[in-house]
Amino acid sequence: MRTDGILPILALTFGVVAALTGVGLIGSYVWWAVVARWGAADQSLLFWYLPFLLFGLGGIVYGSTAGAWGLSRLRSRDRGAE
């Protein structure tokens, strides 16, 4: 295996994992801070669980960026081999 193809593959893999982790963090925020506390008098968990939401958004943005970069590099490498 050539070493010039390892970085885009790692970026694509890491991007997918980071994006899925971000989706999971946002889902956990929605479930535990919003749905589980629906109608409760104390709504402070909407604030205290905000790091889950923000890290989830960051994971989706970072993961999609890394995945798109890795995918574009793999496609350009394959086009160059033709």
C-alpha atoms as a PDB file:
ATOM      1  CA  MET A   1       0.000   0.000   0.000  1.00  0.00           C
ATOM      2  CA  ARG A   2       1.305   3.411  -0.901  1.00  0.00           C
ATOM      3  CA  THR A   3       1.785   5.871   1.910  1.00  0.00           C
ATOM      4  CA  ASP A   4       0.223   8.814   0.041  1.00  0.00           C
ATOM      5  CA  GLY A   5      -3.208   7.202   0.350  1.00  0.00           C
ATOM      6  CA  ILE A   6      -3.131   6.624   4.089  1.00  0.00           C
ATOM      7  CA  LEU A   7      -3.826  10.207   5.187  1.00  0.00           C
ATOM      8  CA  PRO A   8      -7.021  10.627   3.123  1.00  0.00           C
ATOM      9  CA  ILE A   9      -8.293   7.229   4.284  1.00  0.00           C
ATOM     10  CA  LEU A  10      -7.609   8.161   7.903  1.00  0.00           C
ATOM     11  CA  ALA A  11      -9.286  11.550   7.415  1.00  0.00           C
ATOM     12  CA  LEU A  12     -12.349   9.917   5.874  1.00  0.00           C
ATOM     13  CA  THR A  13     -12.562   7.316   8.642  1.00  0.00           C
ATOM     14  CA  PHE A  14     -12.039   9.875  11.381  1.00  0.00           C
ATOM     15  CA  GLY A  15     -14.569  12.189   9.757  1.00  0.00           C
ATOM     16  CA  VAL A  16     -17.254   9.523   9.709  1.00  0.00           C
ATOM     17  CA  VAL A  17     -16.566   8.559  13.325  1.00  0.00           C
ATOM     18  CA  ALA A  18     -16.544  12.197  14.484  1.00  0.00           C
ATOM     19  CA  ALA A  19     -19.770  12.987  12.638  1.00  0.00           C
ATOM     20  CA  LEU A  20     -21.533   9.926  14.067  1.00  0.00           C
ATOM     21  CA  THR A  21     -20.284  10.804  17.547  1.00  0.00           C
ATOM     22  CA  GLY A  22     -21.615  14.341  17.056  1.00  0.00           C
ATOM     23  CA  VAL A  23     -25.011  12.989  16.046  1.00  0.00           C
ATOM     24  CA  GLY A  24     -24.994  10.786  19.147  1.00  0.00           C
ATOM     25  CA  LEU A  25     -24.120  13.719  21.412  1.00  0.00           C
ATOM     26  CA  ILE A  26     -26.877  15.875  19.943  1.00  0.00           C
ATOM     27  CA  GLY A  27     -29.307  13.002  20.295  1.00  0.00           C
ATOM     28  CA  SER A  28     -28.338  12.520  23.933  1.00  0.00           C
ATOM     29  CA  TYR A  29     -28.842  16.240  24.572  1.00  0.00           C
ATOM     30  CA  VAL A  30     -32.287  16.150  23.016  1.00  0.00           C
ATOM     31  CA  TRP A  31     -33.245  13.023  24.909  1.00  0.00           C
ATOM     32  CA  TRP A  32     -31.844  13.781  28.385  1.00  0.00           C
ATOM     33  CA  ALA A  33     -32.192  17.569  28.549  1.00  0.00           C
ATOM     34  CA  VAL A  34     -35.368  18.154  26.546  1.00  0.00           C
ATOM     35  CA  VAL A  35     -37.535  15.047  26.341  1.00  0.00           C
ATOM     36  CA  ALA A  36     -36.791  13.625  29.792  1.00  0.00           C
ATOM     37  CA  ARG A  37     -37.442  16.996  31.470  1.00  0.00           C
ATOM     38  CA  TRP A  38     -40.552  17.909  29.481  1.00  0.00           C
ATOM     39  CA  GLY A  39     -42.981  19.625  31.847  1.00  0.00           C
ATOM     40  CA  ALA A  40     -40.675  19.569  34.875  1.00  0.00           C
ATOM     41  CA  ALA A  41     -40.432  22.710  36.957  1.00  0.00           C
ATOM     42  CA  ASP A  42     -36.603  22.769  36.946  1.00  0.00           C
ATOM     43  CA  GLN A  43     -35.344  23.352  33.403  1.00  0.00           C
ATOM     44  CA  SER A  44     -31.702  23.996  34.362  1.00  0.00           C
ATOM     45  CA  LEU A  45     -30.487  20.899  32.501  1.00  0.00           C
ATOM     46  CA  LEU A  46     -31.227  22.688  29.252  1.00  0.00           C
ATOM     47  CA  PHE A  47     -28.305  24.922  30.214  1.00  0.00           C
ATOM     48  CA  TRP A  48     -26.038  22.428  31.977  1.00  0.00           C
ATOM     49  CA  TYR A  49     -26.187  19.887  29.157  1.00  0.00           C
ATOM     50  CA  LEU A  50     -25.286  22.498  26.514  1.00  0.00           C
ATOM     51  CA  PRO A  51     -21.704  21.135  26.201  1.00  0.00           C
ATOM     52  CA  PHE A  52     -23.194  17.936  24.753  1.00  0.00           C
ATOM     53  CA  LEU A  53     -25.017  19.982  22.131  1.00  0.00           C
ATOM     54  CA  LEU A  54     -22.036  22.193  21.331  1.00  0.00           C
ATOM     55  CA  PHE A  55     -19.521  19.341  21.149  1.00  0.00           C
ATOM     56  CA  GLY A  56     -21.982  17.464  18.986  1.00  0.00           C
ATOM     57  CA  LEU A  57     -22.289  20.368  16.585  1.00  0.00           C
ATOM     58  CA  GLY A  58     -18.510  20.731  16.510  1.00  0.00           C
ATOM     59  CA  GLY A  59     -18.106  17.011  15.870  1.00  0.00           C
ATOM     60  CA  ILE A  60     -20.518  17.123  12.964  1.00  0.00           C
ATOM     61  CA  VAL A  61     -18.810  20.150  11.423  1.00  0.00           C
ATOM     62  CA  TYR A  62     -15.292  18.830  11.959  1.00  0.00           C
ATOM     63  CA  GLY A  63     -16.216  15.314  10.883  1.00  0.00           C
ATOM     64  CA  SER A  64     -17.968  16.404   7.722  1.00  0.00           C
ATOM     65  CA  THR A  65     -15.054  18.686   6.825  1.00  0.00           C
ATOM     66  CA  ALA A  66     -12.451  15.973   7.394  1.00  0.00           C
ATOM     67  CA  GLY A  67     -14.575  13.401   5.589  1.00  0.00           C
ATOM     68  CA  ALA A  68     -15.136  15.660   2.603  1.00  0.00           C
ATOM     69  CA  TRP A  69     -11.425  16.457   2.399  1.00  0.00           C
ATOM     70  CA  GLY A  70     -10.477  12.773   2.590  1.00  0.00           C
ATOM     71  CA  LEU A  71     -13.074  11.801   0.006  1.00  0.00           C
ATOM     72  CA  SER A  72     -11.981  14.540  -2.400  1.00  0.00           C
ATOM     73  CA  ARG A  73      -8.330  13.503  -2.034  1.00  0.00           C
ATOM     74  CA  LEU A  74      -9.195   9.859  -2.683  1.00  0.00           C
ATOM     75  CA  ARG A  75     -11.223  10.772  -5.758  1.00  0.00           C
ATOM     76  CA  SER A  76      -8.505  13.052  -7.144  1.00  0.00           C
ATOM     77  CA  ARG A  77      -5.914  10.339  -6.543  1.00  0.00           C
ATOM     78  CA  ASP A  78      -8.060   7.793  -8.383  1.00  0.00           C
ATOM     79  CA  ARG A  79      -8.640  10.195 -11.294  1.00  0.00           C
ATOM     80  CA  GLY A  80      -4.926  10.795 -11.562  1.00  0.00           C
ATOM     81  CA  ALA A  81      -4.229   7.062 -11.848  1.00  0.00           C
ATOM     82  CA  GLU A  82      -6.340   6.709 -14.997  1.00  0.00           C
END
